[in-house]
Amino acid sequence: MPLARYESIDKSLKMRILDAAKQEFSTHGYLDASYNKIIQKIGISKGSMYYYFENKEDLFITCFLHETHVTGSFDFTNASFTLVDDKQAYWDSMKTLASRQWNDFSQHPLLMSLMRHMVSLGSDHPIFRKLNAECEGLSEYGDLIEILEHGVDIGAIRDDVPLKVLIRMSTEYEVWLMQELQEDRLDGQQVIEKFFEMFRQLFETRR
């Protein structure tokens, strides 16, 4: 993630950095994106760039998280999910949330491009471990945990495995689904259906 100095720079410079980097990553992918070309497009020195980011990996994660934030694609607030007490109604709401999020996600080409390039790296790539760690510090992640904890309270979500472990297992499956989508073995609707089917099997209370 960006170094502390990045947070204190002028907003216009932040946007120049993010815009140039997102364009390079979305066009060429993470591996083929040129850190030097990004720096040249921004119009700052290489030394200045390393003053804000440790490496290309940190810059990519920053771009990805910023794009999810500005598009609202990871919104788990109560405004998007009603904390009902009936188990079936809870799962119906979860299915609606999953479908809405996927549809919202797919309507943002830049975010989809960044996601596709990241997925192509495979879930074993170090960038996924860093991204998971960063996501766990986001307010959106806290909102998701709140929804899941409510599910535990009403007996809809299992309590024998830590929620963070289940979420990471779910993420692994999401990566596989995205790979299947990229290879045209699944379409968008099939991805939604398979994701929710897996999510319920993974998270639902064992009978």
N, C-alpha and C. Protein backbone atom coordinates (compact mmCIF):
# COMPACT_ATOMS: atom_id res chain seq x y z
N MET A 1 0.84 -1.19 0.00
CA MET A 1 0.00 0.00 0.00
C MET A 1 0.88 1.24 0.00
N PRO A 2 0.28 2.41 -0.31
CA PRO A 2 1.10 3.61 -0.38
C PRO A 2 1.76 3.92 0.95
N LEU A 3 2.92 4.56 0.87
CA LEU A 3 3.60 4.99 2.07
C LEU A 3 2.86 6.18 2.66
N ALA A 4 3.14 6.47 3.91
CA ALA A 4 2.41 7.52 4.61
C ALA A 4 2.49 8.87 3.90
N ARG A 5 3.59 9.11 3.21
CA ARG A 5 3.78 10.40 2.52
C ARG A 5 2.75 10.61 1.42
N TYR A 6 2.26 9.50 0.83
CA TYR A 6 1.29 9.60 -0.25
C TYR A 6 0.00 10.26 0.23
N GLU A 7 -0.41 9.96 1.45
CA GLU A 7 -1.67 10.48 1.96
C GLU A 7 -1.65 11.99 2.14
N SER A 8 -0.48 12.57 2.24
CA SER A 8 -0.39 14.01 2.50
C SER A 8 -0.19 14.86 1.24
N ILE A 9 -0.08 14.23 0.07
CA ILE A 9 0.18 15.01 -1.13
C ILE A 9 -1.11 15.63 -1.67
N ASP A 10 -0.95 16.59 -2.57
CA ASP A 10 -2.07 17.31 -3.15
C ASP A 10 -3.02 16.34 -3.87
N LYS A 11 -4.32 16.62 -3.76
CA LYS A 11 -5.33 15.75 -4.35
C LYS A 11 -5.17 15.63 -5.86
N SER A 12 -4.81 16.72 -6.51
CA SER A 12 -4.65 16.68 -7.97
C SER A 12 -3.51 15.76 -8.38
N LEU A 13 -2.44 15.72 -7.58
CA LEU A 13 -1.33 14.82 -7.88
C LEU A 13 -1.75 13.38 -7.64
N LYS A 14 -2.50 13.14 -6.58
CA LYS A 14 -3.00 11.79 -6.34
C LYS A 14 -3.79 11.28 -7.54
N MET A 15 -4.68 12.14 -8.07
CA MET A 15 -5.50 11.72 -9.20
C MET A 15 -4.66 11.50 -10.45
N ARG A 16 -3.63 12.31 -10.65
CA ARG A 16 -2.74 12.09 -11.80
C ARG A 16 -2.05 10.73 -11.68
N ILE A 17 -1.61 10.40 -10.48
CA ILE A 17 -0.95 9.11 -10.25
C ILE A 17 -1.93 7.97 -10.51
N LEU A 18 -3.11 8.06 -9.92
CA LEU A 18 -4.09 6.99 -10.06
C LEU A 18 -4.59 6.84 -11.49
N ASP A 19 -4.86 7.95 -12.15
CA ASP A 19 -5.36 7.88 -13.53
C ASP A 19 -4.34 7.26 -14.46
N ALA A 20 -3.09 7.70 -14.34
CA ALA A 20 -2.03 7.17 -15.21
C ALA A 20 -1.79 5.69 -14.94
N ALA A 21 -1.77 5.32 -13.66
CA ALA A 21 -1.50 3.93 -13.29
C ALA A 21 -2.66 3.01 -13.70
N LYS A 22 -3.88 3.44 -13.45
CA LYS A 22 -5.04 2.61 -13.83
C LYS A 22 -5.06 2.36 -15.33
N GLN A 23 -4.77 3.39 -16.10
CA GLN A 23 -4.77 3.24 -17.55
C GLN A 23 -3.70 2.26 -18.01
N GLU A 24 -2.51 2.36 -17.44
CA GLU A 24 -1.41 1.46 -17.80
C GLU A 24 -1.74 0.02 -17.39
N PHE A 25 -2.23 -0.17 -16.19
CA PHE A 25 -2.55 -1.52 -15.71
C PHE A 25 -3.70 -2.13 -16.50
N SER A 26 -4.73 -1.36 -16.77
CA SER A 26 -5.89 -1.90 -17.47
C SER A 26 -5.57 -2.23 -18.92
N THR A 27 -4.64 -1.49 -19.51
CA THR A 27 -4.26 -1.72 -20.90
C THR A 27 -3.30 -2.89 -21.06
N HIS A 28 -2.32 -2.97 -20.16
CA HIS A 28 -1.24 -3.94 -20.33
C HIS A 28 -1.23 -5.06 -19.30
N GLY A 29 -2.06 -4.95 -18.27
CA GLY A 29 -2.03 -5.95 -17.22
C GLY A 29 -0.95 -5.64 -16.21
N TYR A 30 -0.99 -6.34 -15.09
CA TYR A 30 -0.02 -6.06 -14.03
C TYR A 30 1.41 -6.38 -14.45
N LEU A 31 1.62 -7.56 -15.02
CA LEU A 31 2.99 -8.00 -15.34
C LEU A 31 3.63 -7.15 -16.42
N ASP A 32 2.87 -6.79 -17.45
CA ASP A 32 3.44 -6.06 -18.59
C ASP A 32 3.36 -4.54 -18.45
N ALA A 33 2.69 -4.07 -17.42
CA ALA A 33 2.63 -2.62 -17.19
C ALA A 33 4.02 -2.09 -16.85
N SER A 34 4.34 -0.92 -17.40
CA SER A 34 5.65 -0.33 -17.18
C SER A 34 5.58 0.72 -16.08
N TYR A 35 6.30 0.47 -15.01
CA TYR A 35 6.36 1.44 -13.90
C TYR A 35 6.97 2.75 -14.39
N ASN A 36 7.98 2.64 -15.25
CA ASN A 36 8.64 3.84 -15.78
C ASN A 36 7.69 4.67 -16.65
N LYS A 37 6.86 3.99 -17.45
CA LYS A 37 5.91 4.72 -18.30
C LYS A 37 4.87 5.44 -17.45
N ILE A 38 4.45 4.80 -16.37
CA ILE A 38 3.49 5.43 -15.47
C ILE A 38 4.10 6.71 -14.90
N ILE A 39 5.34 6.61 -14.46
CA ILE A 39 6.03 7.76 -13.87
C ILE A 39 6.17 8.89 -14.90
N GLN A 40 6.51 8.51 -16.13
CA GLN A 40 6.65 9.52 -17.19
C GLN A 40 5.33 10.22 -17.47
N LYS A 41 4.22 9.47 -17.49
CA LYS A 41 2.91 10.06 -17.74
C LYS A 41 2.50 11.02 -16.63
N ILE A 42 2.87 10.67 -15.42
CA ILE A 42 2.54 11.54 -14.28
C ILE A 42 3.35 12.83 -14.34
N GLY A 43 4.58 12.70 -14.79
CA GLY A 43 5.45 13.87 -14.89
C GLY A 43 6.21 14.17 -13.62
N ILE A 44 6.56 13.09 -12.87
CA ILE A 44 7.37 13.27 -11.67
C ILE A 44 8.62 12.41 -11.80
N SER A 45 9.58 12.59 -10.91
CA SER A 45 10.81 11.81 -10.96
C SER A 45 10.59 10.42 -10.38
N LYS A 46 11.45 9.48 -10.76
CA LYS A 46 11.35 8.12 -10.22
C LYS A 46 11.55 8.14 -8.71
N GLY A 47 12.43 9.01 -8.24
CA GLY A 47 12.66 9.12 -6.81
C GLY A 47 11.40 9.54 -6.07
N SER A 48 10.64 10.45 -6.68
CA SER A 48 9.41 10.91 -6.05
C SER A 48 8.39 9.77 -5.96
N MET A 49 8.34 8.96 -7.03
CA MET A 49 7.37 7.86 -7.03
C MET A 49 7.68 6.86 -5.92
N TYR A 50 8.96 6.55 -5.73
CA TYR A 50 9.33 5.61 -4.67
C TYR A 50 9.19 6.26 -3.30
N TYR A 51 8.97 7.55 -3.29
CA TYR A 51 8.70 8.27 -2.05
C TYR A 51 7.26 8.00 -1.61
N TYR A 52 6.40 7.63 -2.60
CA TYR A 52 4.99 7.39 -2.32
C TYR A 52 4.62 5.90 -2.29
N PHE A 53 5.30 5.09 -3.11
CA PHE A 53 4.99 3.65 -3.18
C PHE A 53 6.29 2.85 -3.14
N GLU A 54 6.23 1.71 -2.47
CA GLU A 54 7.43 0.86 -2.40
C GLU A 54 7.72 0.19 -3.75
N ASN A 55 6.66 -0.18 -4.47
CA ASN A 55 6.85 -0.90 -5.73
C ASN A 55 5.56 -0.90 -6.56
N LYS A 56 5.62 -1.54 -7.71
CA LYS A 56 4.49 -1.61 -8.63
C LYS A 56 3.32 -2.37 -8.01
N GLU A 57 3.63 -3.38 -7.21
CA GLU A 57 2.60 -4.17 -6.55
C GLU A 57 1.72 -3.30 -5.66
N ASP A 58 2.35 -2.47 -4.84
CA ASP A 58 1.61 -1.58 -3.95
C ASP A 58 0.78 -0.57 -4.73
N LEU A 59 1.32 -0.10 -5.84
CA LEU A 59 0.59 0.85 -6.68
C LEU A 59 -0.65 0.19 -7.28
N PHE A 60 -0.51 -1.04 -7.75
CA PHE A 60 -1.65 -1.74 -8.34
C PHE A 60 -2.76 -1.94 -7.31
N ILE A 61 -2.40 -2.39 -6.12
CA ILE A 61 -3.41 -2.60 -5.07
C ILE A 61 -4.11 -1.30 -4.73
N THR A 62 -3.36 -0.21 -4.66
CA THR A 62 -3.95 1.09 -4.38
C THR A 62 -4.94 1.48 -5.46
N CYS A 63 -4.58 1.24 -6.71
CA CYS A 63 -5.48 1.56 -7.84
C CYS A 63 -6.75 0.71 -7.76
N PHE A 64 -6.59 -0.57 -7.50
CA PHE A 64 -7.74 -1.46 -7.45
C PHE A 64 -8.70 -1.06 -6.34
N LEU A 65 -8.18 -0.83 -5.14
CA LEU A 65 -9.04 -0.46 -4.02
C LEU A 65 -9.69 0.91 -4.23
N HIS A 66 -8.96 1.83 -4.85
CA HIS A 66 -9.54 3.14 -5.12
C HIS A 66 -10.71 3.01 -6.09
N GLU A 67 -10.55 2.16 -7.11
CA GLU A 67 -11.60 2.00 -8.11
C GLU A 67 -12.83 1.34 -7.50
N THR A 68 -12.64 0.38 -6.61
CA THR A 68 -13.79 -0.23 -5.94
C THR A 68 -14.50 0.79 -5.06
N HIS A 69 -13.73 1.70 -4.48
CA HIS A 69 -14.32 2.72 -3.60
C HIS A 69 -15.14 3.73 -4.40
N VAL A 70 -14.58 4.24 -5.49
CA VAL A 70 -15.28 5.29 -6.24
C VAL A 70 -16.50 4.74 -6.98
N THR A 71 -16.49 3.45 -7.29
CA THR A 71 -17.65 2.85 -7.95
C THR A 71 -18.66 2.29 -6.97
N GLY A 72 -18.28 2.21 -5.69
CA GLY A 72 -19.19 1.68 -4.68
C GLY A 72 -19.46 0.20 -4.84
N SER A 73 -18.52 -0.52 -5.44
CA SER A 73 -18.74 -1.93 -5.78
C SER A 73 -18.66 -2.88 -4.60
N PHE A 74 -18.08 -2.45 -3.49
CA PHE A 74 -17.99 -3.30 -2.30
C PHE A 74 -18.81 -2.72 -1.16
N ASP A 75 -20.03 -2.29 -1.49
CA ASP A 75 -20.89 -1.65 -0.49
C ASP A 75 -21.68 -2.72 0.26
N PHE A 76 -21.35 -2.90 1.56
CA PHE A 76 -22.07 -3.86 2.39
C PHE A 76 -22.82 -3.17 3.52
N THR A 77 -23.13 -1.90 3.34
CA THR A 77 -23.78 -1.16 4.41
C THR A 77 -25.21 -1.65 4.59
N ASN A 78 -25.78 -1.29 5.71
CA ASN A 78 -27.16 -1.70 6.00
C ASN A 78 -28.14 -1.13 4.99
N ALA A 79 -27.73 -0.06 4.27
CA ALA A 79 -28.60 0.50 3.25
C ALA A 79 -28.78 -0.49 2.10
N SER A 80 -27.81 -1.38 1.93
CA SER A 80 -27.88 -2.36 0.84
C SER A 80 -28.29 -3.74 1.34
N PHE A 81 -28.47 -3.89 2.66
CA PHE A 81 -28.82 -5.19 3.21
C PHE A 81 -29.64 -4.97 4.49
N THR A 82 -30.83 -5.55 4.54
CA THR A 82 -31.68 -5.43 5.72
C THR A 82 -31.39 -6.60 6.66
N LEU A 83 -31.08 -6.29 7.93
CA LEU A 83 -30.75 -7.32 8.90
C LEU A 83 -32.02 -7.99 9.44
N VAL A 84 -32.55 -8.90 8.66
CA VAL A 84 -33.78 -9.61 9.03
C VAL A 84 -33.43 -10.77 9.97
N ASP A 85 -34.45 -11.23 10.72
CA ASP A 85 -34.22 -12.30 11.69
C ASP A 85 -34.67 -13.68 11.20
N ASP A 86 -35.42 -13.72 10.12
CA ASP A 86 -35.86 -14.99 9.55
C ASP A 86 -34.73 -15.57 8.67
N LYS A 87 -34.40 -16.84 8.88
CA LYS A 87 -33.27 -17.45 8.18
C LYS A 87 -33.45 -17.43 6.66
N GLN A 88 -34.62 -17.83 6.17
CA GLN A 88 -34.84 -17.85 4.73
C GLN A 88 -34.80 -16.46 4.14
N ALA A 89 -35.39 -15.49 4.86
CA ALA A 89 -35.37 -14.10 4.40
C ALA A 89 -33.94 -13.57 4.39
N TYR A 90 -33.14 -14.00 5.36
CA TYR A 90 -31.72 -13.61 5.42
C TYR A 90 -30.99 -14.10 4.17
N TRP A 91 -31.18 -15.37 3.83
CA TRP A 91 -30.49 -15.92 2.66
C TRP A 91 -31.02 -15.32 1.35
N ASP A 92 -32.30 -15.00 1.32
CA ASP A 92 -32.85 -14.32 0.15
C ASP A 92 -32.18 -12.95 -0.02
N SER A 93 -31.97 -12.26 1.09
CA SER A 93 -31.30 -10.94 1.04
C SER A 93 -29.84 -11.09 0.62
N MET A 94 -29.19 -12.15 1.09
CA MET A 94 -27.80 -12.39 0.70
C MET A 94 -27.70 -12.65 -0.80
N LYS A 95 -28.66 -13.40 -1.34
CA LYS A 95 -28.65 -13.68 -2.77
C LYS A 95 -28.87 -12.41 -3.57
N THR A 96 -29.77 -11.56 -3.11
CA THR A 96 -30.03 -10.28 -3.78
C THR A 96 -28.79 -9.40 -3.74
N LEU A 97 -28.12 -9.38 -2.58
CA LEU A 97 -26.91 -8.58 -2.44
C LEU A 97 -25.81 -9.06 -3.37
N ALA A 98 -25.61 -10.38 -3.45
CA ALA A 98 -24.57 -10.95 -4.31
C ALA A 98 -24.84 -10.61 -5.78
N SER A 99 -26.09 -10.73 -6.19
CA SER A 99 -26.47 -10.44 -7.57
C SER A 99 -26.28 -8.96 -7.89
N ARG A 100 -26.72 -8.11 -6.95
CA ARG A 100 -26.59 -6.67 -7.18
C ARG A 100 -25.12 -6.25 -7.27
N GLN A 101 -24.30 -6.82 -6.40
CA GLN A 101 -22.89 -6.45 -6.40
C GLN A 101 -22.20 -6.89 -7.69
N TRP A 102 -22.52 -8.10 -8.14
CA TRP A 102 -21.90 -8.56 -9.39
C TRP A 102 -22.33 -7.67 -10.55
N ASN A 103 -23.63 -7.36 -10.63
CA ASN A 103 -24.12 -6.52 -11.71
C ASN A 103 -23.51 -5.12 -11.66
N ASP A 104 -23.38 -4.57 -10.45
CA ASP A 104 -22.74 -3.26 -10.30
C ASP A 104 -21.29 -3.33 -10.75
N PHE A 105 -20.63 -4.39 -10.32
CA PHE A 105 -19.22 -4.59 -10.64
C PHE A 105 -19.01 -4.66 -12.15
N SER A 106 -19.87 -5.42 -12.82
CA SER A 106 -19.70 -5.64 -14.26
C SER A 106 -20.02 -4.41 -15.09
N GLN A 107 -20.65 -3.41 -14.49
CA GLN A 107 -20.98 -2.19 -15.23
C GLN A 107 -19.84 -1.16 -15.22
N HIS A 108 -18.73 -1.52 -14.60
CA HIS A 108 -17.59 -0.61 -14.55
C HIS A 108 -16.40 -1.25 -15.28
N PRO A 109 -16.24 -0.94 -16.56
CA PRO A 109 -15.22 -1.59 -17.38
C PRO A 109 -13.80 -1.50 -16.82
N LEU A 110 -13.44 -0.34 -16.27
CA LEU A 110 -12.08 -0.20 -15.74
C LEU A 110 -11.86 -1.14 -14.57
N LEU A 111 -12.82 -1.20 -13.66
CA LEU A 111 -12.70 -2.10 -12.51
C LEU A 111 -12.66 -3.55 -12.97
N MET A 112 -13.50 -3.91 -13.93
CA MET A 112 -13.50 -5.27 -14.46
C MET A 112 -12.17 -5.62 -15.09
N SER A 113 -11.58 -4.65 -15.79
CA SER A 113 -10.29 -4.89 -16.43
C SER A 113 -9.21 -5.14 -15.39
N LEU A 114 -9.18 -4.30 -14.35
CA LEU A 114 -8.19 -4.49 -13.28
C LEU A 114 -8.39 -5.84 -12.61
N MET A 115 -9.65 -6.22 -12.37
CA MET A 115 -9.93 -7.50 -11.74
C MET A 115 -9.47 -8.66 -12.62
N ARG A 116 -9.78 -8.58 -13.91
CA ARG A 116 -9.39 -9.65 -14.82
C ARG A 116 -7.87 -9.83 -14.85
N HIS A 117 -7.15 -8.72 -14.90
CA HIS A 117 -5.69 -8.81 -14.92
C HIS A 117 -5.15 -9.39 -13.62
N MET A 118 -5.76 -9.02 -12.51
CA MET A 118 -5.31 -9.54 -11.22
C MET A 118 -5.59 -11.03 -11.12
N VAL A 119 -6.79 -11.44 -11.56
CA VAL A 119 -7.17 -12.86 -11.51
C VAL A 119 -6.23 -13.70 -12.37
N SER A 120 -5.77 -13.13 -13.47
CA SER A 120 -4.87 -13.88 -14.36
C SER A 120 -3.55 -14.24 -13.68
N LEU A 121 -3.23 -13.55 -12.59
CA LEU A 121 -1.99 -13.85 -11.85
C LEU A 121 -2.13 -15.13 -11.04
N GLY A 122 -3.37 -15.49 -10.71
CA GLY A 122 -3.61 -16.67 -9.88
C GLY A 122 -3.61 -16.28 -8.40
N SER A 123 -4.38 -17.01 -7.63
CA SER A 123 -4.56 -16.67 -6.21
C SER A 123 -3.32 -16.94 -5.38
N ASP A 124 -2.31 -17.62 -5.93
CA ASP A 124 -1.07 -17.87 -5.19
C ASP A 124 -0.11 -16.69 -5.28
N HIS A 125 -0.41 -15.73 -6.14
CA HIS A 125 0.49 -14.58 -6.30
C HIS A 125 0.48 -13.75 -5.01
N PRO A 126 1.64 -13.24 -4.62
CA PRO A 126 1.74 -12.43 -3.38
C PRO A 126 0.77 -11.25 -3.34
N ILE A 127 0.38 -10.75 -4.51
CA ILE A 127 -0.51 -9.58 -4.55
C ILE A 127 -1.85 -9.90 -3.88
N PHE A 128 -2.29 -11.17 -3.93
CA PHE A 128 -3.55 -11.54 -3.31
C PHE A 128 -3.44 -11.52 -1.79
N ARG A 129 -2.31 -11.95 -1.25
CA ARG A 129 -2.13 -11.92 0.20
C ARG A 129 -2.13 -10.48 0.71
N LYS A 130 -1.46 -9.60 -0.03
CA LYS A 130 -1.44 -8.19 0.35
C LYS A 130 -2.83 -7.58 0.25
N LEU A 131 -3.54 -7.92 -0.82
CA LEU A 131 -4.87 -7.36 -1.02
C LEU A 131 -5.83 -7.84 0.08
N ASN A 132 -5.76 -9.12 0.42
CA ASN A 132 -6.60 -9.64 1.49
C ASN A 132 -6.34 -8.91 2.80
N ALA A 133 -5.06 -8.69 3.10
CA ALA A 133 -4.70 -7.99 4.34
C ALA A 133 -5.25 -6.57 4.35
N GLU A 134 -5.16 -5.90 3.19
CA GLU A 134 -5.65 -4.52 3.10
C GLU A 134 -7.17 -4.48 3.19
N CYS A 135 -7.85 -5.42 2.55
CA CYS A 135 -9.31 -5.45 2.57
C CYS A 135 -9.84 -5.63 3.98
N GLU A 136 -9.13 -6.40 4.79
CA GLU A 136 -9.59 -6.65 6.15
C GLU A 136 -9.53 -5.40 7.02
N GLY A 137 -8.86 -4.37 6.53
CA GLY A 137 -8.80 -3.12 7.26
C GLY A 137 -9.79 -2.08 6.78
N LEU A 138 -10.57 -2.42 5.75
CA LEU A 138 -11.52 -1.46 5.18
C LEU A 138 -12.83 -1.45 5.95
N SER A 139 -13.51 -0.31 5.93
CA SER A 139 -14.81 -0.20 6.60
C SER A 139 -15.82 -1.13 5.93
N GLU A 140 -15.71 -1.31 4.60
CA GLU A 140 -16.63 -2.20 3.88
C GLU A 140 -16.50 -3.64 4.39
N TYR A 141 -15.28 -4.03 4.74
CA TYR A 141 -15.06 -5.38 5.28
C TYR A 141 -15.75 -5.50 6.64
N GLY A 142 -15.65 -4.44 7.43
CA GLY A 142 -16.33 -4.44 8.72
C GLY A 142 -17.83 -4.56 8.57
N ASP A 143 -18.38 -3.90 7.52
CA ASP A 143 -19.82 -4.00 7.26
C ASP A 143 -20.22 -5.43 6.90
N LEU A 144 -19.38 -6.10 6.09
CA LEU A 144 -19.65 -7.48 5.72
C LEU A 144 -19.61 -8.39 6.96
N ILE A 145 -18.62 -8.18 7.80
CA ILE A 145 -18.52 -8.96 9.03
C ILE A 145 -19.78 -8.77 9.89
N GLU A 146 -20.27 -7.53 9.96
CA GLU A 146 -21.48 -7.26 10.75
C GLU A 146 -22.67 -8.05 10.21
N ILE A 147 -22.80 -8.09 8.88
CA ILE A 147 -23.90 -8.85 8.27
C ILE A 147 -23.76 -10.34 8.60
N LEU A 148 -22.54 -10.86 8.49
CA LEU A 148 -22.31 -12.28 8.75
C LEU A 148 -22.50 -12.60 10.24
N GLU A 149 -22.06 -11.71 11.11
CA GLU A 149 -22.25 -11.94 12.55
C GLU A 149 -23.73 -11.96 12.91
N HIS A 150 -24.52 -11.12 12.22
CA HIS A 150 -25.96 -11.16 12.44
C HIS A 150 -26.51 -12.52 12.00
N GLY A 151 -25.97 -13.04 10.90
CA GLY A 151 -26.37 -14.36 10.44
C GLY A 151 -26.05 -15.44 11.46
N VAL A 152 -24.90 -15.29 12.12
CA VAL A 152 -24.53 -16.23 13.19
C VAL A 152 -25.53 -16.13 14.33
N ASP A 153 -25.89 -14.90 14.70
CA ASP A 153 -26.81 -14.68 15.83
C ASP A 153 -28.18 -15.31 15.60
N ILE A 154 -28.64 -15.32 14.36
CA ILE A 154 -29.98 -15.87 14.09
C ILE A 154 -29.91 -17.33 13.66
N GLY A 155 -28.70 -17.91 13.64
CA GLY A 155 -28.55 -19.31 13.32
C GLY A 155 -28.50 -19.63 11.83
N ALA A 156 -28.30 -18.61 11.01
CA ALA A 156 -28.22 -18.83 9.56
C ALA A 156 -26.79 -19.11 9.11
N ILE A 157 -25.82 -18.56 9.81
CA ILE A 157 -24.40 -18.69 9.47
C ILE A 157 -23.71 -19.55 10.52
N ARG A 158 -22.87 -20.45 10.08
CA ARG A 158 -22.16 -21.37 10.98
C ARG A 158 -21.21 -20.60 11.90
N ASP A 159 -20.95 -21.16 13.07
CA ASP A 159 -20.05 -20.51 14.02
C ASP A 159 -18.87 -21.40 14.41
N ASP A 160 -18.69 -22.51 13.66
CA ASP A 160 -17.61 -23.44 14.00
C ASP A 160 -16.31 -23.13 13.28
N VAL A 161 -16.33 -22.16 12.36
CA VAL A 161 -15.14 -21.74 11.63
C VAL A 161 -15.10 -20.21 11.66
N PRO A 162 -13.95 -19.60 11.94
CA PRO A 162 -13.87 -18.13 11.97
C PRO A 162 -14.34 -17.52 10.65
N LEU A 163 -15.08 -16.43 10.74
CA LEU A 163 -15.63 -15.78 9.55
C LEU A 163 -14.52 -15.36 8.58
N LYS A 164 -13.40 -14.88 9.10
CA LYS A 164 -12.31 -14.45 8.22
C LYS A 164 -11.76 -15.61 7.40
N VAL A 165 -11.75 -16.80 7.99
CA VAL A 165 -11.29 -17.98 7.25
C VAL A 165 -12.27 -18.32 6.14
N LEU A 166 -13.57 -18.26 6.46
CA LEU A 166 -14.60 -18.55 5.45
C LEU A 166 -14.55 -17.55 4.31
N ILE A 167 -14.32 -16.27 4.64
CA ILE A 167 -14.26 -15.24 3.61
C ILE A 167 -13.09 -15.49 2.67
N ARG A 168 -11.95 -15.88 3.23
CA ARG A 168 -10.78 -16.15 2.38
C ARG A 168 -11.01 -17.37 1.50
N MET A 169 -11.68 -18.37 2.03
CA MET A 169 -12.03 -19.54 1.21
C MET A 169 -12.97 -19.13 0.09
N SER A 170 -13.91 -18.27 0.40
CA SER A 170 -14.85 -17.77 -0.60
C SER A 170 -14.13 -16.99 -1.69
N THR A 171 -13.13 -16.21 -1.29
CA THR A 171 -12.36 -15.42 -2.25
C THR A 171 -11.63 -16.32 -3.24
N GLU A 172 -11.08 -17.43 -2.75
CA GLU A 172 -10.40 -18.38 -3.63
C GLU A 172 -11.36 -18.87 -4.72
N TYR A 173 -12.59 -19.16 -4.32
CA TYR A 173 -13.56 -19.65 -5.29
C TYR A 173 -13.96 -18.55 -6.27
N GLU A 174 -14.05 -17.32 -5.79
CA GLU A 174 -14.37 -16.19 -6.66
C GLU A 174 -13.31 -16.03 -7.75
N VAL A 175 -12.05 -16.21 -7.37
CA VAL A 175 -10.96 -16.10 -8.34
C VAL A 175 -11.13 -17.17 -9.42
N TRP A 176 -11.46 -18.39 -9.00
CA TRP A 176 -11.67 -19.46 -9.97
C TRP A 176 -12.84 -19.13 -10.90
N LEU A 177 -13.93 -18.60 -10.36
CA LEU A 177 -15.07 -18.24 -11.18
C LEU A 177 -14.71 -17.17 -12.21
N MET A 178 -13.91 -16.19 -11.78
CA MET A 178 -13.48 -15.14 -12.71
C MET A 178 -12.61 -15.72 -13.82
N GLN A 179 -11.80 -16.71 -13.48
CA GLN A 179 -10.97 -17.36 -14.50
C GLN A 179 -11.85 -18.11 -15.50
N GLU A 180 -12.88 -18.77 -14.99
CA GLU A 180 -13.82 -19.47 -15.87
C GLU A 180 -14.56 -18.49 -16.78
N LEU A 181 -14.89 -17.32 -16.23
CA LEU A 181 -15.55 -16.28 -17.02
C LEU A 181 -14.63 -15.77 -18.13
N GLN A 182 -13.39 -15.55 -17.79
CA GLN A 182 -12.42 -15.05 -18.77
C GLN A 182 -12.20 -16.04 -19.90
N GLU A 183 -12.29 -17.33 -19.58
CA GLU A 183 -12.08 -18.36 -20.60
C GLU A 183 -13.39 -18.73 -21.32
N ASP A 184 -14.45 -17.94 -21.04
CA ASP A 184 -15.76 -18.15 -21.67
C ASP A 184 -16.36 -19.52 -21.38
N ARG A 185 -15.99 -20.11 -20.24
CA ARG A 185 -16.61 -21.37 -19.84
C ARG A 185 -17.86 -21.11 -18.99
N LEU A 186 -18.00 -19.89 -18.49
CA LEU A 186 -19.18 -19.46 -17.76
C LEU A 186 -19.57 -18.07 -18.23
N ASP A 187 -20.87 -17.76 -18.16
CA ASP A 187 -21.28 -16.39 -18.43
C ASP A 187 -21.59 -15.70 -17.11
N GLY A 188 -21.93 -14.42 -17.17
CA GLY A 188 -22.13 -13.64 -15.96
C GLY A 188 -23.19 -14.21 -15.04
N GLN A 189 -24.32 -14.65 -15.60
CA GLN A 189 -25.39 -15.19 -14.78
C GLN A 189 -24.98 -16.49 -14.11
N GLN A 190 -24.23 -17.31 -14.82
CA GLN A 190 -23.77 -18.56 -14.24
C GLN A 190 -22.79 -18.30 -13.09
N VAL A 191 -21.98 -17.26 -13.25
CA VAL A 191 -21.04 -16.90 -12.18
C VAL A 191 -21.81 -16.51 -10.92
N ILE A 192 -22.84 -15.70 -11.07
CA ILE A 192 -23.66 -15.28 -9.93
C ILE A 192 -24.27 -16.49 -9.24
N GLU A 193 -24.87 -17.38 -10.03
CA GLU A 193 -25.55 -18.55 -9.48
C GLU A 193 -24.57 -19.48 -8.76
N LYS A 194 -23.42 -19.74 -9.40
CA LYS A 194 -22.44 -20.64 -8.80
C LYS A 194 -21.81 -20.03 -7.56
N PHE A 195 -21.60 -18.70 -7.60
CA PHE A 195 -21.01 -18.06 -6.42
C PHE A 195 -21.95 -18.18 -5.23
N PHE A 196 -23.22 -17.87 -5.43
CA PHE A 196 -24.13 -17.92 -4.30
C PHE A 196 -24.31 -19.35 -3.80
N GLU A 197 -24.36 -20.30 -4.71
CA GLU A 197 -24.48 -21.71 -4.32
C GLU A 197 -23.30 -22.12 -3.44
N MET A 198 -22.08 -21.73 -3.86
CA MET A 198 -20.90 -22.04 -3.08
C MET A 198 -20.92 -21.31 -1.75
N PHE A 199 -21.28 -20.02 -1.79
CA PHE A 199 -21.28 -19.19 -0.59
C PHE A 199 -22.20 -19.80 0.47
N ARG A 200 -23.38 -20.23 0.05
CA ARG A 200 -24.33 -20.79 1.00
C ARG A 200 -23.83 -22.11 1.56
N GLN A 201 -23.27 -22.95 0.71
CA GLN A 201 -22.73 -24.23 1.18
C GLN A 201 -21.59 -24.03 2.17
N LEU A 202 -20.80 -22.99 1.93
CA LEU A 202 -19.64 -22.72 2.78
C LEU A 202 -20.04 -22.09 4.11
N PHE A 203 -20.98 -21.14 4.08
CA PHE A 203 -21.29 -20.35 5.26
C PHE A 203 -22.49 -20.85 6.06
N GLU A 204 -23.41 -21.59 5.44
CA GLU A 204 -24.65 -21.93 6.13
C GLU A 204 -24.41 -22.89 7.30
N THR A 205 -25.19 -22.71 8.34
CA THR A 205 -25.11 -23.57 9.53
C THR A 205 -25.27 -25.02 9.13
N ARG A 206 -24.37 -25.88 9.65
CA ARG A 206 -24.46 -27.31 9.37
C ARG A 206 -25.65 -27.92 10.11
N ARG A 207 -26.44 -28.69 9.39
CA ARG A 207 -27.60 -29.31 10.02
C ARG A 207 -27.22 -30.67 10.64
